[in-house]
Amino acid sequence: SIAYVADSKLRRLEIAGGSPRIISSVAALEMPAWGPSGVILFTGGESPYPLYQIPASGGEAKKVAGSGYAQFFPSFLPGGRSFLYCTPGGGLGYDASLYAAALDSKQVKRLVTGSSGVFVQPGWLLYVRGSTLVAQSFDPDKQALSGDPIQIADQVAAVALINAGGFSVSQNVLAYRRAPPPQPSDLTWYDRQGKRLGTVGEPAVYTNPALSPDGKRLAVGRLDPATNNRNIWVLDLVRGVSSRLTFDKADDTNPVWSPDGSRIAFSSSRKENRNIYWKAASGAGADEPLLEAAESKSVEDWSADGKLLLFNINTSEIDALPLSGDRKPYPVLKAPFTQAHASLSPDGHWIAYVSQESGRMEVFVQDFPPAGGKWQISNSGGTEPSWRHDGKELYYLNGTKLEAVDVNTAGSSFEAGFPKDLFDVPVVNDLNRRNRYVATPDGRRFLFVTSPKTIDAAPFLVVQNWQTLLKH
């Protein structure tokens, strides 16, 4: 038999023939694990993406013990009671970690930080550290590592969004995908008809552009090849010069401008989880922490009156941080599925955001603070909503297509027209970003982070008798 996921359902197919059947009513993600005791582990398809166990014959799916937000890539250890799984890293704001747990226990043990991994007989744990695949002696009964890691392969690719190692291994054969070097992107201007108007700055790996309120400066995350982390840069669009704003070796991203253009708030992983900082937009002075807490936080928007910062936690909860008083954050939107990309209307009365409540990412608007009004804006998928400066138009991306919707935010009611296509754009293929474009205040021009014309191939490599490498 084969267990697999299709249309968010865990299914079982007999190799001898017949039709597949659904064995769990719980929404599921890919990569289930089938244990020798007849139990299947799978990741739930709704945030916070916990692990479930279910008999292979079907029945009730039950959550298993776990730690961290989202539990991916389960694999059983010998005996079929204990198992491994990993938590996400990369753009989600975490360091990926590898855990050991058991079906009949609430105990969870973190084995290594910064990786996913698998167990291979006679007693090796293979995992990726940075971009290097290593093997380390591992006792599956004691769930204990010993000795020093031994390098097996370098330049190993990471699985998108999760930062898990892109490799598969048996006792004799190892296959892995080589990581391509980061591909420089362009900051490219387009008009409403999709005409390319030119680029800004030099090619680099850019993320999350943010225009200053006067439209004369651009804050953007830029990858530092030396550290493989991002810093915040500010580009003067009038004079054509750029300057680095943050200098920490950790990952700094998601810049947003204060309404008066004097400060930039951003997220940084300099204390393991992402926290919120701000700094003078001129670059003078030091970075100052705004909010430090256990959860990883991604900055999303700054209210036009300057009183609130919006941020998301674990991509399922959108919170507001008051910038005066005790600065105690409070939840705005919270759900057991993805909610992110929050954007406040210029008058502060409405919040646009992305929700996966229907199983597909769509753009919604609610009154702010939420009081019961809710409107779906996109009708065939949508991400990264943003408002025109006068609040009369909403933009969002549907794949590589920029769409616009006329809206009426006057008074106490909200009205939205039908989405209309503006143009296709070769936007970078990275859905794990708060935004990949920004509109000018008048909505006549759009700045996109665009992909390079050619992308280097990422080959697969196969190593036979890989365990001979452990003897050197």
Protein backbone atom coordinates (compact mmCIF):
# COMPACT_ATOMS: atom_id res chain seq x y z
CA SER A 1 0.00 0.00 0.00
CA ILE A 2 0.96 3.63 -0.48
CA ALA A 3 -0.06 6.52 1.76
CA TYR A 4 -0.07 9.93 0.11
CA VAL A 5 -1.78 13.33 0.23
CA ALA A 6 -3.96 14.76 -2.55
CA ASP A 7 -6.35 17.71 -2.33
CA SER A 8 -5.35 18.12 1.35
CA LYS A 9 -6.61 14.63 2.20
CA LEU A 10 -4.58 11.66 3.45
CA ARG A 11 -5.27 8.72 1.13
CA ARG A 12 -4.33 5.07 0.86
CA LEU A 13 -3.88 3.16 -2.39
CA GLU A 14 -3.43 -0.61 -2.62
CA ILE A 15 -0.67 -1.55 -5.07
CA ALA A 16 -2.62 -4.66 -6.08
CA GLY A 17 -5.33 -2.45 -7.53
CA GLY A 18 -8.53 -0.66 -6.70
CA SER A 19 -9.41 2.95 -6.03
CA PRO A 20 -7.68 5.16 -3.44
CA ARG A 21 -9.64 5.90 -0.31
CA ILE A 22 -9.50 8.77 2.15
CA ILE A 23 -8.44 7.56 5.60
CA SER A 24 -8.58 10.85 7.53
CA SER A 25 -11.01 13.75 7.58
CA VAL A 26 -8.32 16.07 8.94
CA ALA A 27 -6.72 18.33 6.34
CA ALA A 28 -3.19 17.14 5.59
CA LEU A 29 0.09 18.32 4.09
CA GLU A 30 2.51 16.23 2.04
CA MET A 31 5.15 13.75 3.25
CA PRO A 32 3.37 11.30 5.60
CA ALA A 33 5.37 8.56 7.37
CA TRP A 34 4.16 4.95 7.69
CA GLY A 35 5.49 3.11 10.74
CA PRO A 36 6.03 -0.63 11.20
CA SER A 37 3.31 -0.77 13.87
CA GLY A 38 0.64 0.28 11.37
CA VAL A 39 0.51 3.95 12.35
CA ILE A 40 0.76 6.83 9.87
CA LEU A 41 2.11 10.24 10.89
CA PHE A 42 1.14 13.32 8.91
CA THR A 43 1.24 17.10 9.26
CA GLY A 44 -2.12 18.83 9.62
CA GLY A 45 -3.01 21.18 6.79
CA GLU A 46 -4.07 24.12 8.96
CA SER A 47 -2.01 26.43 11.16
CA PRO A 48 -0.20 25.74 13.47
CA TYR A 49 0.39 22.57 11.39
CA PRO A 50 0.69 19.93 14.15
CA LEU A 51 1.55 16.27 13.69
CA TYR A 52 -1.25 13.70 13.78
CA GLN A 53 -1.22 9.93 14.09
CA ILE A 54 -3.85 7.65 12.60
CA PRO A 55 -4.18 3.88 12.10
CA ALA A 56 -3.24 2.90 8.56
CA SER A 57 -6.68 1.35 8.22
CA GLY A 58 -8.29 4.72 8.97
CA GLY A 59 -10.13 6.10 11.97
CA GLU A 60 -9.69 9.05 14.31
CA ALA A 61 -6.64 11.25 13.80
CA LYS A 62 -5.02 12.27 17.10
CA LYS A 63 -2.40 14.93 17.72
CA VAL A 64 0.97 13.70 18.93
CA ALA A 65 3.35 15.43 21.30
CA GLY A 66 5.36 18.17 19.71
CA SER A 67 7.32 21.36 20.18
CA GLY A 68 7.60 24.44 18.00
CA TYR A 69 5.39 25.96 15.35
CA ALA A 70 4.66 23.49 12.52
CA GLN A 71 5.94 19.91 12.58
CA PHE A 72 7.16 18.66 9.23
CA PHE A 73 8.86 15.63 7.62
CA PRO A 74 8.14 12.93 10.22
CA SER A 75 10.21 9.74 10.01
CA PHE A 76 10.10 6.70 12.28
CA LEU A 77 13.00 5.38 14.30
CA PRO A 78 13.57 1.61 14.69
CA GLY A 79 10.73 -0.05 16.57
CA GLY A 80 8.05 2.27 15.22
CA ARG A 81 7.17 4.07 18.47
CA SER A 82 9.69 6.91 18.38
CA PHE A 83 10.07 9.30 15.47
CA LEU A 84 11.84 12.42 14.23
CA TYR A 85 10.35 15.63 12.85
CA CYS A 86 11.54 19.13 12.08
CA THR A 87 10.22 22.63 12.69
CA PRO A 88 10.51 25.36 10.06
CA GLY A 89 13.23 27.90 9.48
CA GLY A 90 14.24 30.38 6.83
CA GLY A 91 11.75 33.13 5.98
CA LEU A 92 9.28 32.04 8.62
CA GLY A 93 11.51 33.62 11.22
CA TYR A 94 12.80 30.54 12.99
CA ASP A 95 15.90 28.42 13.19
CA ALA A 96 14.83 25.00 11.90
CA SER A 97 15.27 22.32 14.54
CA LEU A 98 15.20 18.52 14.60
CA TYR A 99 13.23 16.82 17.38
CA ALA A 100 12.72 13.28 18.67
CA ALA A 101 9.36 12.25 20.14
CA ALA A 102 7.25 9.12 20.72
CA LEU A 103 3.67 8.09 19.95
CA ASP A 104 2.92 7.18 23.57
CA SER A 105 4.77 9.98 25.36
CA LYS A 106 4.53 13.73 25.85
CA GLN A 107 8.30 14.06 26.09
CA VAL A 108 10.01 15.91 23.23
CA LYS A 109 13.76 16.27 22.78
CA ARG A 110 15.50 18.74 20.52
CA LEU A 111 18.47 17.04 18.89
CA VAL A 112 20.02 19.74 16.69
CA THR A 113 19.23 23.32 15.75
CA GLY A 114 19.21 24.53 12.20
CA SER A 115 18.20 21.39 10.35
CA SER A 116 15.93 18.48 9.45
CA GLY A 117 17.31 14.96 9.59
CA VAL A 118 16.83 11.20 9.17
CA PHE A 119 18.14 8.08 10.91
CA VAL A 120 20.08 5.47 8.96
CA GLN A 121 21.21 2.03 10.18
CA PRO A 122 23.41 0.96 11.82
CA GLY A 123 23.34 4.14 13.92
CA TRP A 124 23.73 7.45 12.10
CA LEU A 125 21.74 10.65 12.13
CA LEU A 126 22.09 12.62 8.89
CA TYR A 127 21.18 16.30 9.00
CA VAL A 128 22.08 19.57 7.32
CA ARG A 129 24.02 22.24 9.15
CA GLY A 130 23.94 25.45 7.13
CA SER A 131 24.33 23.96 3.65
CA THR A 132 26.53 21.03 4.71
CA LEU A 133 25.16 17.50 5.09
CA VAL A 134 26.75 15.74 8.06
CA ALA A 135 26.43 12.36 9.76
CA GLN A 136 26.72 11.90 13.51
CA SER A 137 26.58 8.78 15.66
CA PHE A 138 23.08 8.40 17.16
CA ASP A 139 21.53 5.99 19.65
CA PRO A 140 17.82 5.75 18.75
CA ASP A 141 16.88 4.13 22.06
CA LYS A 142 18.49 6.82 24.19
CA GLN A 143 17.83 9.48 21.54
CA ALA A 144 21.37 10.71 22.11
CA LEU A 145 24.05 11.99 19.74
CA SER A 146 27.73 11.28 20.32
CA GLY A 147 31.02 12.04 18.65
CA ASP A 148 31.70 14.79 16.15
CA PRO A 149 29.68 15.37 12.97
CA ILE A 150 31.33 14.02 9.81
CA GLN A 151 30.88 15.98 6.58
CA ILE A 152 29.17 13.99 3.83
CA ALA A 153 28.31 16.66 1.22
CA ASP A 154 28.36 20.42 0.88
CA GLN A 155 26.20 22.95 -0.96
CA VAL A 156 23.01 21.00 -0.15
CA ALA A 157 19.80 22.80 -1.11
CA ALA A 158 17.06 23.64 1.38
CA VAL A 159 13.39 22.84 0.89
CA ALA A 160 11.45 26.04 0.16
CA LEU A 161 9.81 27.79 3.15
CA ILE A 162 10.92 25.20 5.69
CA ASN A 163 14.70 25.37 5.31
CA ALA A 164 14.88 21.57 5.62
CA GLY A 165 17.65 19.72 3.85
CA GLY A 166 16.90 18.64 0.30
CA PHE A 167 18.26 15.10 0.50
CA SER A 168 17.13 11.47 0.68
CA VAL A 169 19.21 8.55 1.91
CA SER A 170 19.22 4.78 2.32
CA GLN A 171 21.93 2.56 3.81
CA ASN A 172 23.82 2.53 0.52
CA VAL A 173 22.66 5.45 -1.63
CA LEU A 174 22.49 9.19 -0.98
CA ALA A 175 20.71 11.63 -3.29
CA TYR A 176 20.67 15.37 -2.76
CA ARG A 177 20.03 18.56 -4.63
CA ARG A 178 22.90 21.01 -4.89
CA ALA A 179 22.02 24.50 -3.77
CA PRO A 180 22.29 27.13 -6.51
CA PRO A 181 23.95 30.39 -5.49
CA PRO A 182 21.52 33.17 -4.52
CA GLN A 183 20.18 34.73 -7.70
CA PRO A 184 20.46 38.53 -7.84
CA SER A 185 17.16 40.28 -8.41
CA ASP A 186 16.30 43.71 -9.77
CA LEU A 187 14.22 46.54 -8.34
CA THR A 188 12.16 47.37 -11.41
CA TRP A 189 9.62 50.14 -12.04
CA TYR A 190 6.45 49.53 -14.11
CA ASP A 191 3.56 51.78 -15.04
CA ARG A 192 -0.10 50.73 -14.80
CA GLN A 193 0.00 49.27 -18.31
CA GLY A 194 2.94 47.01 -17.41
CA LYS A 195 5.53 49.03 -19.31
CA ARG A 196 9.00 48.59 -17.83
CA LEU A 197 10.34 52.00 -16.81
CA GLY A 198 13.80 51.11 -15.47
CA THR A 199 15.57 49.76 -12.40
CA VAL A 200 16.78 51.12 -9.07
CA GLY A 201 20.16 50.33 -7.53
CA GLU A 202 22.44 47.49 -8.49
CA PRO A 203 21.39 43.84 -8.86
CA ALA A 204 21.31 42.05 -5.49
CA VAL A 205 19.11 39.65 -3.55
CA TYR A 206 16.35 42.02 -2.40
CA THR A 207 13.25 41.43 -0.26
CA ASN A 208 10.33 43.45 1.11
CA PRO A 209 10.64 46.91 -0.50
CA ALA A 210 9.03 49.84 1.34
CA LEU A 211 8.62 53.39 -0.04
CA SER A 212 8.95 56.36 2.29
CA PRO A 213 5.77 58.43 2.73
CA ASP A 214 7.07 61.10 0.32
CA GLY A 215 8.07 58.46 -2.24
CA LYS A 216 11.67 59.68 -2.39
CA ARG A 217 13.40 56.85 -0.50
CA LEU A 218 13.18 53.08 -0.55
CA ALA A 219 13.93 50.79 2.38
CA VAL A 220 14.60 47.18 1.40
CA GLY A 221 16.15 43.99 2.74
CA ARG A 222 19.39 43.04 0.98
CA LEU A 223 21.23 39.75 1.36
CA ASP A 224 24.83 39.88 2.57
CA PRO A 225 26.69 37.04 0.79
CA ALA A 226 29.25 36.90 3.60
CA THR A 227 26.69 36.00 6.27
CA ASN A 228 23.79 34.75 4.12
CA ASN A 229 21.54 37.07 6.13
CA ARG A 230 19.83 40.30 5.18
CA ASN A 231 20.41 43.88 6.26
CA ILE A 232 18.17 46.89 5.75
CA TRP A 233 19.35 49.35 3.10
CA VAL A 234 17.92 52.76 2.20
CA LEU A 235 18.04 53.94 -1.41
CA ASP A 236 17.72 57.63 -2.23
CA LEU A 237 15.58 57.52 -5.38
CA VAL A 238 16.24 61.18 -6.23
CA ARG A 239 20.03 61.18 -5.94
CA GLY A 240 20.54 57.54 -6.91
CA VAL A 241 22.66 56.59 -3.89
CA SER A 242 22.17 53.86 -1.30
CA SER A 243 23.30 53.38 2.28
CA ARG A 244 23.20 50.50 4.72
CA LEU A 245 20.93 51.03 7.73
CA THR A 246 21.53 47.91 9.87
CA PHE A 247 24.82 46.16 10.52
CA ASP A 248 24.00 43.24 12.79
CA LYS A 249 25.10 39.79 11.55
CA ALA A 250 21.60 38.40 12.14
CA ASP A 251 18.77 38.50 9.60
CA ASP A 252 17.10 41.95 9.41
CA THR A 253 14.00 42.24 7.24
CA ASN A 254 10.45 43.62 6.76
CA PRO A 255 11.18 47.36 6.95
CA VAL A 256 8.24 49.76 7.38
CA TRP A 257 8.36 53.56 7.54
CA SER A 258 6.87 55.77 10.22
CA PRO A 259 4.23 58.13 8.77
CA ASP A 260 6.57 61.11 9.08
CA GLY A 261 9.45 59.24 7.43
CA SER A 262 11.77 59.70 10.41
CA ARG A 263 12.04 56.06 11.54
CA ILE A 264 12.11 52.54 10.12
CA ALA A 265 10.80 49.56 12.08
CA PHE A 266 11.92 46.05 11.12
CA SER A 267 12.16 42.44 12.28
CA SER A 268 15.46 40.87 13.31
CA SER A 269 16.52 37.39 14.43
CA ARG A 270 19.49 38.64 16.47
CA LYS A 271 18.02 36.99 19.61
CA GLU A 272 17.11 33.61 18.03
CA ASN A 273 13.43 34.34 17.36
CA ARG A 274 12.41 37.38 15.34
CA ASN A 275 11.85 40.50 17.43
CA ILE A 276 10.87 44.04 16.47
CA TYR A 277 13.33 46.94 16.38
CA TRP A 278 13.42 50.46 15.02
CA LYS A 279 16.03 53.00 14.01
CA ALA A 280 16.26 56.57 12.71
CA ALA A 281 15.85 56.49 8.92
CA SER A 282 18.91 58.72 8.60
CA GLY A 283 21.02 55.92 10.03
CA ALA A 284 22.06 57.96 13.06
CA GLY A 285 22.05 56.27 16.45
CA ALA A 286 21.66 52.64 17.42
CA ASP A 287 18.96 50.09 16.75
CA GLU A 288 16.39 50.06 19.57
CA PRO A 289 14.20 47.09 20.54
CA LEU A 290 10.45 47.69 20.40
CA LEU A 291 9.17 44.23 21.29
CA GLU A 292 11.05 41.17 22.48
CA ALA A 293 9.10 38.00 23.29
CA ALA A 294 9.23 34.24 22.83
CA GLU A 295 7.24 34.14 19.60
CA SER A 296 8.79 35.08 16.27
CA LYS A 297 7.27 38.30 14.93
CA SER A 298 7.20 39.72 11.41
CA VAL A 299 6.46 43.44 11.01
CA GLU A 300 3.71 44.14 8.47
CA ASP A 301 2.45 47.74 8.64
CA TRP A 302 2.56 51.07 10.50
CA SER A 303 -0.73 52.92 10.97
CA ALA A 304 -1.06 56.31 9.25
CA ASP A 305 -1.59 58.05 12.61
CA GLY A 306 1.71 56.60 13.85
CA LYS A 307 0.14 54.94 16.90
CA LEU A 308 0.30 51.23 15.97
CA LEU A 309 2.56 48.67 14.38
CA LEU A 310 0.95 45.55 12.95
CA PHE A 311 2.88 42.28 13.00
CA ASN A 312 2.12 38.59 12.59
CA ILE A 313 2.99 35.66 14.83
CA ASN A 314 3.54 32.26 13.22
CA THR A 315 1.64 33.50 10.12
CA SER A 316 -1.69 32.73 11.86
CA GLU A 317 -2.12 35.64 14.26
CA ILE A 318 -2.03 39.36 13.45
CA ASP A 319 -1.31 41.59 16.45
CA ALA A 320 -1.06 45.33 17.07
CA LEU A 321 1.72 47.00 19.06
CA PRO A 322 0.88 50.42 20.56
CA LEU A 323 3.87 52.75 20.31
CA SER A 324 3.02 54.70 23.44
CA GLY A 325 2.19 53.82 27.03
CA ASP A 326 3.17 50.32 28.17
CA ARG A 327 3.54 49.10 24.57
CA LYS A 328 1.58 45.93 25.32
CA PRO A 329 0.62 44.13 22.11
CA TYR A 330 -2.86 42.72 21.60
CA PRO A 331 -4.38 40.33 19.03
CA VAL A 332 -6.33 41.72 16.07
CA LEU A 333 -6.99 38.55 14.03
CA LYS A 334 -6.36 35.01 15.23
CA ALA A 335 -7.33 31.73 13.58
CA PRO A 336 -6.21 28.09 13.16
CA PHE A 337 -5.10 28.82 9.58
CA THR A 338 -2.76 31.18 7.77
CA GLN A 339 -3.47 34.90 8.21
CA ALA A 340 -0.82 37.42 7.22
CA HIS A 341 0.14 40.34 4.93
CA ALA A 342 -1.85 42.84 7.01
CA SER A 343 -2.24 46.35 5.58
CA LEU A 344 -4.19 49.21 7.20
CA SER A 345 -6.19 51.63 5.09
CA PRO A 346 -4.94 55.24 5.03
CA ASP A 347 -7.84 56.36 7.27
CA GLY A 348 -7.11 53.51 9.71
CA HIS A 349 -10.69 52.16 9.62
CA TRP A 350 -10.06 49.00 7.57
CA ILE A 351 -7.53 46.18 7.53
CA ALA A 352 -6.70 44.18 4.40
CA TYR A 353 -5.04 40.82 4.90
CA VAL A 354 -4.57 37.36 3.40
CA SER A 355 -6.36 34.31 4.78
CA GLN A 356 -6.23 30.62 3.88
CA GLU A 357 -9.57 29.84 5.51
CA SER A 358 -11.01 28.50 2.24
CA GLY A 359 -7.94 26.34 1.55
CA ARG A 360 -6.56 28.92 -0.88
CA MET A 361 -4.87 32.23 -0.12
CA GLU A 362 -7.41 35.03 -0.67
CA VAL A 363 -7.49 38.74 0.17
CA PHE A 364 -10.05 39.94 2.72
CA VAL A 365 -10.95 43.26 4.36
CA GLN A 366 -12.37 43.74 7.84
CA ASP A 367 -13.25 46.85 9.79
CA PHE A 368 -10.54 47.96 12.19
CA PRO A 369 -10.64 47.15 14.97
CA PRO A 370 -12.62 44.07 13.83
CA ALA A 371 -16.31 44.42 14.72
CA GLY A 372 -18.03 41.85 12.53
CA GLY A 373 -17.73 43.32 9.03
CA LYS A 374 -15.82 41.14 6.58
CA TRP A 375 -15.47 41.23 2.78
CA GLN A 376 -13.61 38.92 0.39
CA ILE A 377 -11.74 40.96 -2.21
CA SER A 378 -10.00 38.43 -4.47
CA ASN A 379 -11.94 35.68 -6.22
CA SER A 380 -9.27 33.34 -7.62
CA GLY A 381 -6.40 33.64 -5.17
CA GLY A 382 -4.48 36.63 -3.86
CA THR A 383 -1.55 37.72 -1.69
CA GLU A 384 0.22 40.90 -0.57
CA PRO A 385 -2.59 43.50 -0.51
CA SER A 386 -1.74 47.20 -0.44
CA TRP A 387 -3.81 50.41 -0.50
CA ARG A 388 -3.58 53.42 -2.75
CA HIS A 389 -2.77 56.53 -0.74
CA ASP A 390 -6.32 57.92 -1.02
CA GLY A 391 -7.86 54.59 0.05
CA LYS A 392 -9.92 54.25 -3.14
CA GLU A 393 -8.08 51.27 -4.62
CA LEU A 394 -6.60 47.98 -3.39
CA TYR A 395 -3.82 46.07 -5.15
CA TYR A 396 -2.77 42.46 -4.73
CA LEU A 397 -0.85 39.73 -6.51
CA ASN A 398 -2.47 36.66 -8.02
CA GLY A 399 0.49 34.51 -9.03
CA THR A 400 2.54 36.79 -11.28
CA LYS A 401 -0.40 39.06 -12.10
CA LEU A 402 -1.01 42.41 -10.41
CA GLU A 403 -4.70 43.06 -9.84
CA ALA A 404 -6.60 46.14 -8.67
CA VAL A 405 -10.00 46.61 -7.03
CA ASP A 406 -11.89 49.86 -6.67
CA VAL A 407 -13.08 50.32 -3.07
CA ASN A 408 -15.19 52.82 -1.18
CA THR A 409 -14.08 53.35 2.42
CA ALA A 410 -16.14 56.49 3.09
CA GLY A 411 -18.50 56.35 6.03
CA SER A 412 -19.20 53.29 8.14
CA SER A 413 -19.65 50.80 5.29
CA PHE A 414 -17.16 49.21 2.94
CA GLU A 415 -17.77 48.55 -0.75
CA ALA A 416 -15.54 46.72 -3.22
CA GLY A 417 -15.76 46.42 -6.99
CA PHE A 418 -14.67 43.56 -9.22
CA PRO A 419 -10.94 42.71 -9.49
CA LYS A 420 -9.33 43.80 -12.74
CA ASP A 421 -6.04 42.64 -14.19
CA LEU A 422 -3.34 45.28 -14.55
CA PHE A 423 -0.35 43.33 -15.92
CA ASP A 424 1.89 40.28 -15.56
CA VAL A 425 5.33 40.77 -14.10
CA PRO A 426 8.34 38.45 -13.62
CA VAL A 427 8.17 38.82 -9.84
CA VAL A 428 10.57 36.68 -7.77
CA ASN A 429 9.05 33.29 -7.04
CA ASP A 430 9.12 33.49 -3.26
CA LEU A 431 5.69 33.40 -1.65
CA ASN A 432 7.20 33.53 1.83
CA ARG A 433 7.58 37.32 1.76
CA ARG A 434 5.40 40.01 3.24
CA ASN A 435 5.55 41.87 -0.06
CA ARG A 436 7.38 41.74 -3.36
CA TYR A 437 6.20 45.07 -4.69
CA VAL A 438 5.21 48.57 -3.59
CA ALA A 439 2.95 51.16 -5.24
CA THR A 440 3.55 54.89 -5.47
CA PRO A 441 1.03 56.99 -3.49
CA ASP A 442 -0.92 57.87 -6.67
CA GLY A 443 -1.01 54.27 -7.93
CA ARG A 444 0.56 55.15 -11.27
CA ARG A 445 3.83 53.27 -10.82
CA PHE A 446 4.85 50.04 -9.12
CA LEU A 447 8.27 48.88 -7.97
CA PHE A 448 8.76 45.09 -8.09
CA VAL A 449 11.48 42.73 -6.96
CA THR A 450 11.91 40.90 -10.26
CA SER A 451 13.63 37.64 -11.10
CA PRO A 452 16.80 37.42 -13.19
CA LYS A 453 16.38 36.53 -16.86
CA THR A 454 18.25 33.25 -16.41
CA ILE A 455 18.31 31.06 -13.31
CA ASP A 456 21.16 28.66 -12.63
CA ALA A 457 20.15 25.01 -12.62
CA ALA A 458 20.25 23.08 -9.34
CA PRO A 459 21.40 19.55 -10.22
CA PHE A 460 20.67 16.36 -8.30
CA LEU A 461 23.67 14.30 -7.25
CA VAL A 462 23.75 10.61 -6.32
CA VAL A 463 26.44 9.11 -4.08
CA GLN A 464 26.72 5.31 -3.98
CA ASN A 465 28.17 3.55 -0.94
CA TRP A 466 28.14 6.85 0.92
CA GLN A 467 28.94 5.18 4.26
CA THR A 468 32.52 4.67 3.08
CA LEU A 469 32.90 8.43 3.62
CA LEU A 470 32.47 7.82 7.37
CA LYS A 471 35.76 5.95 7.52
CA HIS A 472 37.96 8.87 6.47
